[in-house]
N, C-alpha and C. Protein backbone atom coordinates (compact mmCIF):
# COMPACT_ATOMS: atom_id res chain seq x y z
N MET A 1 25.68 16.14 -38.44
CA MET A 1 25.39 15.32 -37.44
C MET A 1 26.54 15.58 -36.44
N SER A 2 25.82 15.46 -35.28
CA SER A 2 26.78 15.70 -34.08
C SER A 2 27.50 14.32 -33.45
N THR A 3 28.56 14.67 -33.08
CA THR A 3 29.63 13.49 -32.58
C THR A 3 29.39 13.54 -31.21
N ASP A 4 28.60 13.98 -30.58
CA ASP A 4 28.39 14.02 -29.12
C ASP A 4 27.65 12.92 -28.48
N TRP A 5 28.13 11.77 -28.37
CA TRP A 5 27.17 10.66 -28.28
C TRP A 5 26.58 10.42 -26.38
N PRO A 6 25.66 10.36 -26.39
CA PRO A 6 25.07 10.21 -25.19
C PRO A 6 25.50 8.84 -24.65
N ILE A 7 26.72 8.04 -24.40
CA ILE A 7 27.18 6.96 -23.97
C ILE A 7 28.77 7.50 -23.74
N VAL A 8 29.49 6.44 -22.83
CA VAL A 8 30.68 6.21 -22.49
C VAL A 8 30.83 4.65 -22.10
N VAL A 9 32.12 4.30 -22.70
CA VAL A 9 32.89 2.92 -22.22
C VAL A 9 33.63 3.03 -20.65
N GLN A 10 33.22 2.23 -19.79
CA GLN A 10 33.71 2.76 -18.85
C GLN A 10 33.85 1.33 -17.74
N ASP A 11 34.42 1.48 -16.88
CA ASP A 11 34.66 0.34 -15.71
C ASP A 11 33.42 0.15 -14.91
N VAL A 12 32.91 -0.74 -14.90
CA VAL A 12 31.73 -1.14 -14.23
C VAL A 12 31.95 -2.12 -12.92
N PRO A 13 32.25 -1.71 -11.76
CA PRO A 13 32.17 -2.48 -10.70
C PRO A 13 31.90 -4.23 -10.55
N GLY A 14 32.74 -5.50 -10.45
CA GLY A 14 31.90 -6.41 -10.86
C GLY A 14 31.91 -6.92 -12.23
N LYS A 15 31.95 -5.97 -13.04
CA LYS A 15 31.60 -6.51 -14.43
C LYS A 15 32.72 -6.48 -15.49
N GLY A 16 33.56 -5.57 -15.41
CA GLY A 16 34.39 -5.22 -16.16
C GLY A 16 34.17 -3.79 -17.20
N LYS A 17 34.40 -3.88 -18.70
CA LYS A 17 33.83 -2.46 -18.97
C LYS A 17 32.31 -2.56 -19.23
N GLY A 18 31.72 -1.36 -19.64
CA GLY A 18 30.30 -1.25 -19.83
C GLY A 18 29.90 -0.04 -20.77
N VAL A 19 29.02 0.09 -20.99
CA VAL A 19 28.19 1.22 -21.76
C VAL A 19 27.47 2.09 -20.75
N ILE A 20 27.65 3.20 -20.42
CA ILE A 20 27.24 3.74 -19.24
C ILE A 20 26.41 5.55 -19.68
N ALA A 21 25.32 5.99 -19.76
CA ALA A 21 24.56 6.92 -20.49
C ALA A 21 25.36 8.28 -19.91
N THR A 22 25.65 9.26 -20.51
CA THR A 22 26.50 10.36 -19.89
C THR A 22 25.35 11.58 -19.51
N ARG A 23 24.28 11.08 -20.39
CA ARG A 23 22.97 12.08 -19.67
C ARG A 23 21.64 11.11 -19.93
N PRO A 24 20.37 11.76 -19.77
CA PRO A 24 19.41 10.78 -20.00
C PRO A 24 19.05 10.94 -21.23
N ILE A 25 18.42 9.65 -22.11
CA ILE A 25 18.33 8.97 -23.22
C ILE A 25 16.80 8.84 -23.09
N THR A 26 16.05 9.34 -24.48
CA THR A 26 14.71 8.98 -24.32
C THR A 26 14.68 7.66 -25.23
N ALA A 27 13.57 7.17 -24.96
CA ALA A 27 13.00 5.93 -25.67
C ALA A 27 12.77 6.13 -27.30
N GLY A 28 13.61 5.53 -28.28
CA GLY A 28 14.13 5.47 -29.64
C GLY A 28 14.60 6.40 -30.28
N GLU A 29 15.69 6.97 -28.93
CA GLU A 29 16.71 7.83 -29.49
C GLU A 29 17.88 7.15 -29.91
N LEU A 30 18.51 7.94 -30.75
CA LEU A 30 19.73 7.10 -31.60
C LEU A 30 21.20 7.02 -30.52
N VAL A 31 21.37 5.77 -29.99
CA VAL A 31 22.47 5.93 -29.33
C VAL A 31 23.89 5.78 -29.45
N LEU A 32 24.01 5.02 -31.13
CA LEU A 32 25.37 4.85 -31.39
C LEU A 32 24.96 4.58 -32.89
N LEU A 33 25.65 4.83 -33.64
CA LEU A 33 25.63 4.84 -35.49
C LEU A 33 26.97 4.10 -35.64
N GLU A 34 27.52 2.90 -36.13
CA GLU A 34 28.92 2.68 -36.81
C GLU A 34 28.82 1.71 -37.95
N ALA A 35 29.81 1.70 -38.57
CA ALA A 35 30.13 0.79 -39.78
C ALA A 35 30.07 -0.56 -39.34
N PRO A 36 29.81 -1.53 -40.10
CA PRO A 36 30.25 -3.08 -39.24
C PRO A 36 31.80 -3.40 -39.53
N LEU A 37 31.88 -4.24 -39.11
CA LEU A 37 33.23 -4.97 -39.01
C LEU A 37 33.90 -5.55 -40.32
N PHE A 38 32.57 -6.25 -40.66
CA PHE A 38 33.00 -6.91 -42.19
C PHE A 38 31.96 -6.39 -43.11
N THR A 39 32.43 -6.59 -44.17
CA THR A 39 30.96 -6.55 -45.54
C THR A 39 31.39 -8.18 -46.19
N LEU A 40 30.44 -8.28 -47.08
CA LEU A 40 30.60 -9.34 -48.18
C LEU A 40 30.54 -8.73 -49.37
N PRO A 41 31.28 -10.12 -50.31
CA PRO A 41 31.58 -9.75 -51.43
C PRO A 41 30.54 -9.43 -52.01
N SER A 42 30.38 -8.39 -53.21
CA SER A 42 29.08 -8.12 -53.85
C SER A 42 28.39 -8.82 -54.46
N GLU A 43 28.48 -9.86 -54.63
CA GLU A 43 27.60 -11.17 -54.81
C GLU A 43 26.61 -11.42 -54.18
N TYR A 44 26.78 -10.92 -53.09
CA TYR A 44 25.78 -11.01 -51.45
C TYR A 44 25.07 -9.76 -51.59
N ASP A 45 23.94 -9.86 -50.92
CA ASP A 45 23.19 -8.69 -50.84
C ASP A 45 23.51 -8.53 -48.96
N ASN A 46 24.36 -7.65 -48.94
CA ASN A 46 24.58 -7.10 -47.33
C ASN A 46 23.77 -6.65 -46.40
N SER A 47 22.69 -6.04 -47.17
CA SER A 47 21.59 -5.62 -46.51
C SER A 47 20.41 -6.92 -45.71
N ALA A 48 20.55 -7.82 -46.96
CA ALA A 48 20.22 -9.24 -46.66
C ALA A 48 20.59 -9.86 -45.37
N VAL A 49 21.81 -9.71 -45.45
CA VAL A 49 22.61 -10.44 -44.36
C VAL A 49 22.48 -9.96 -42.97
N LEU A 50 22.68 -8.68 -42.80
CA LEU A 50 22.86 -7.75 -41.63
C LEU A 50 21.49 -7.69 -41.52
N ALA A 51 20.11 -7.53 -42.33
CA ALA A 51 18.76 -7.57 -41.29
C ALA A 51 18.82 -8.79 -40.51
N LYS A 52 19.06 -10.23 -41.53
CA LYS A 52 19.16 -11.55 -40.35
C LYS A 52 19.91 -11.06 -38.98
N LEU A 53 21.25 -10.71 -39.17
CA LEU A 53 22.20 -10.76 -37.79
C LEU A 53 21.80 -9.66 -36.84
N VAL A 54 21.00 -8.60 -37.39
CA VAL A 54 20.80 -7.32 -36.32
C VAL A 54 18.75 -8.05 -35.63
N ALA A 55 18.08 -9.05 -36.70
CA ALA A 55 16.88 -9.44 -36.10
C ALA A 55 17.01 -10.32 -34.94
N LEU A 56 18.56 -10.28 -34.27
CA LEU A 56 18.60 -11.43 -32.83
C LEU A 56 18.24 -9.87 -32.17
N THR A 57 17.98 -8.85 -32.16
CA THR A 57 18.07 -7.94 -31.10
C THR A 57 17.14 -7.04 -31.77
N GLY A 58 16.54 -5.98 -30.82
CA GLY A 58 15.26 -5.64 -30.94
C GLY A 58 15.71 -3.77 -31.02
N ASN A 59 16.81 -4.00 -30.99
CA ASN A 59 17.32 -2.16 -30.58
C ASN A 59 18.38 -1.66 -31.72
N ASN A 60 18.72 -2.38 -32.44
CA ASN A 60 19.34 -2.22 -33.85
C ASN A 60 18.72 -2.45 -35.13
N PHE A 61 19.54 -1.64 -35.93
CA PHE A 61 18.87 -1.71 -37.47
C PHE A 61 20.43 -1.34 -38.52
N TRP A 62 20.24 -1.97 -39.53
CA TRP A 62 20.90 -1.73 -40.34
C TRP A 62 20.19 -0.55 -41.68
N GLU A 63 21.27 0.98 -41.51
CA GLU A 63 20.72 1.79 -42.17
C GLU A 63 21.09 1.79 -43.65
N ASP A 64 20.49 1.19 -44.39
CA ASP A 64 20.92 0.77 -46.13
C ASP A 64 21.39 2.26 -46.62
N THR A 65 20.81 3.08 -46.60
CA THR A 65 21.43 4.57 -46.98
C THR A 65 22.76 4.93 -46.42
N LEU A 66 23.09 4.96 -45.16
CA LEU A 66 24.20 5.12 -44.60
C LEU A 66 25.12 3.98 -44.55
N HIS A 67 24.68 2.77 -44.47
CA HIS A 67 25.84 1.55 -44.60
C HIS A 67 26.32 1.49 -43.33
N LYS A 68 25.65 1.57 -42.29
CA LYS A 68 26.13 1.78 -40.82
C LYS A 68 24.65 1.28 -40.12
N ILE A 69 24.90 0.52 -38.82
CA ILE A 69 24.45 -0.10 -38.04
C ILE A 69 24.15 1.07 -36.97
N SER A 70 22.55 1.02 -36.40
CA SER A 70 22.46 1.95 -35.66
C SER A 70 21.93 1.43 -34.81
N PHE A 71 22.27 1.80 -33.33
CA PHE A 71 21.47 1.51 -31.98
C PHE A 71 20.86 3.03 -31.37
N ARG A 72 19.21 1.86 -31.45
CA ARG A 72 18.41 2.77 -30.54
C ARG A 72 17.89 2.62 -28.86
N ALA A 73 17.71 3.50 -28.56
CA ALA A 73 17.21 2.86 -27.08
C ALA A 73 15.80 2.59 -27.03
N LEU A 74 15.09 1.18 -26.54
CA LEU A 74 14.21 1.11 -26.27
C LEU A 74 13.01 1.17 -25.24
N LYS A 75 13.96 2.37 -24.31
CA LYS A 75 13.12 2.38 -23.00
C LYS A 75 13.87 3.76 -22.85
N ASP A 76 13.30 4.92 -21.60
CA ASP A 76 14.12 5.82 -21.54
C ASP A 76 15.20 5.45 -20.46
N VAL A 77 16.39 5.88 -20.49
CA VAL A 77 17.83 5.58 -20.19
C VAL A 77 18.16 6.49 -19.02
N ALA A 78 18.25 6.27 -18.05
CA ALA A 78 18.61 7.36 -16.94
C ALA A 78 20.08 7.67 -17.00
N GLU A 79 20.65 8.99 -16.88
CA GLU A 79 22.19 9.40 -16.73
C GLU A 79 22.42 8.35 -15.92
N GLY A 80 23.80 7.50 -16.32
CA GLY A 80 24.87 6.90 -15.40
C GLY A 80 24.06 5.60 -15.20
N GLU A 81 23.04 5.14 -16.05
CA GLU A 81 22.27 3.84 -16.07
C GLU A 81 23.35 3.24 -17.27
N GLU A 82 23.31 1.76 -17.27
CA GLU A 82 24.28 1.23 -17.77
C GLU A 82 23.49 0.22 -19.23
N LEU A 83 23.94 0.49 -20.62
CA LEU A 83 23.07 0.34 -21.66
C LEU A 83 23.59 -1.38 -21.78
N CYS A 84 22.52 -2.21 -22.24
CA CYS A 84 22.66 -3.49 -22.52
C CYS A 84 22.13 -3.43 -23.74
N ILE A 85 22.73 -4.88 -24.71
CA ILE A 85 21.73 -5.52 -25.96
C ILE A 85 21.30 -6.82 -25.37
N CYS A 86 20.02 -6.50 -25.86
CA CYS A 86 19.09 -7.68 -25.44
C CYS A 86 18.95 -8.77 -26.69
N TYR A 87 19.50 -10.10 -26.55
CA TYR A 87 19.45 -10.94 -27.45
C TYR A 87 18.47 -12.00 -27.63
N THR A 88 17.11 -11.70 -27.14
CA THR A 88 16.14 -12.88 -26.95
C THR A 88 15.35 -12.23 -27.65
N GLU A 89 14.50 -11.23 -26.91
CA GLU A 89 13.22 -10.59 -27.48
C GLU A 89 13.33 -8.80 -27.30
N PRO A 90 12.32 -8.12 -28.26
CA PRO A 90 12.36 -7.50 -28.38
C PRO A 90 12.24 -6.27 -27.04
N SER A 91 11.48 -7.15 -26.35
CA SER A 91 10.66 -6.10 -25.21
C SER A 91 11.68 -6.27 -24.20
N CYS A 92 12.96 -6.80 -24.37
CA CYS A 92 13.81 -6.94 -23.14
C CYS A 92 13.97 -5.36 -22.33
N THR A 93 14.08 -5.44 -20.73
CA THR A 93 14.38 -4.41 -20.24
C THR A 93 15.18 -4.44 -19.27
């Protein structure tokens, strides 16, 4: 898997830090794949808990076989555009 991610964290005027596209990103494309910050003891089902957490947003999913959370673009993103996570409805633009 390539480690050449299509995003960079940089200063956004008037906002602080932001995630910016370094190249055009197509809808559905993988933007970020990372391990969770924490996991639960084995008597709990991590997949079920993380599925509930990621259900709050429409653009990230628990990849059970990789044990990582994936973030995918919901729409085409232009180079230089700021990426955001939608915490309300999967159809956020």
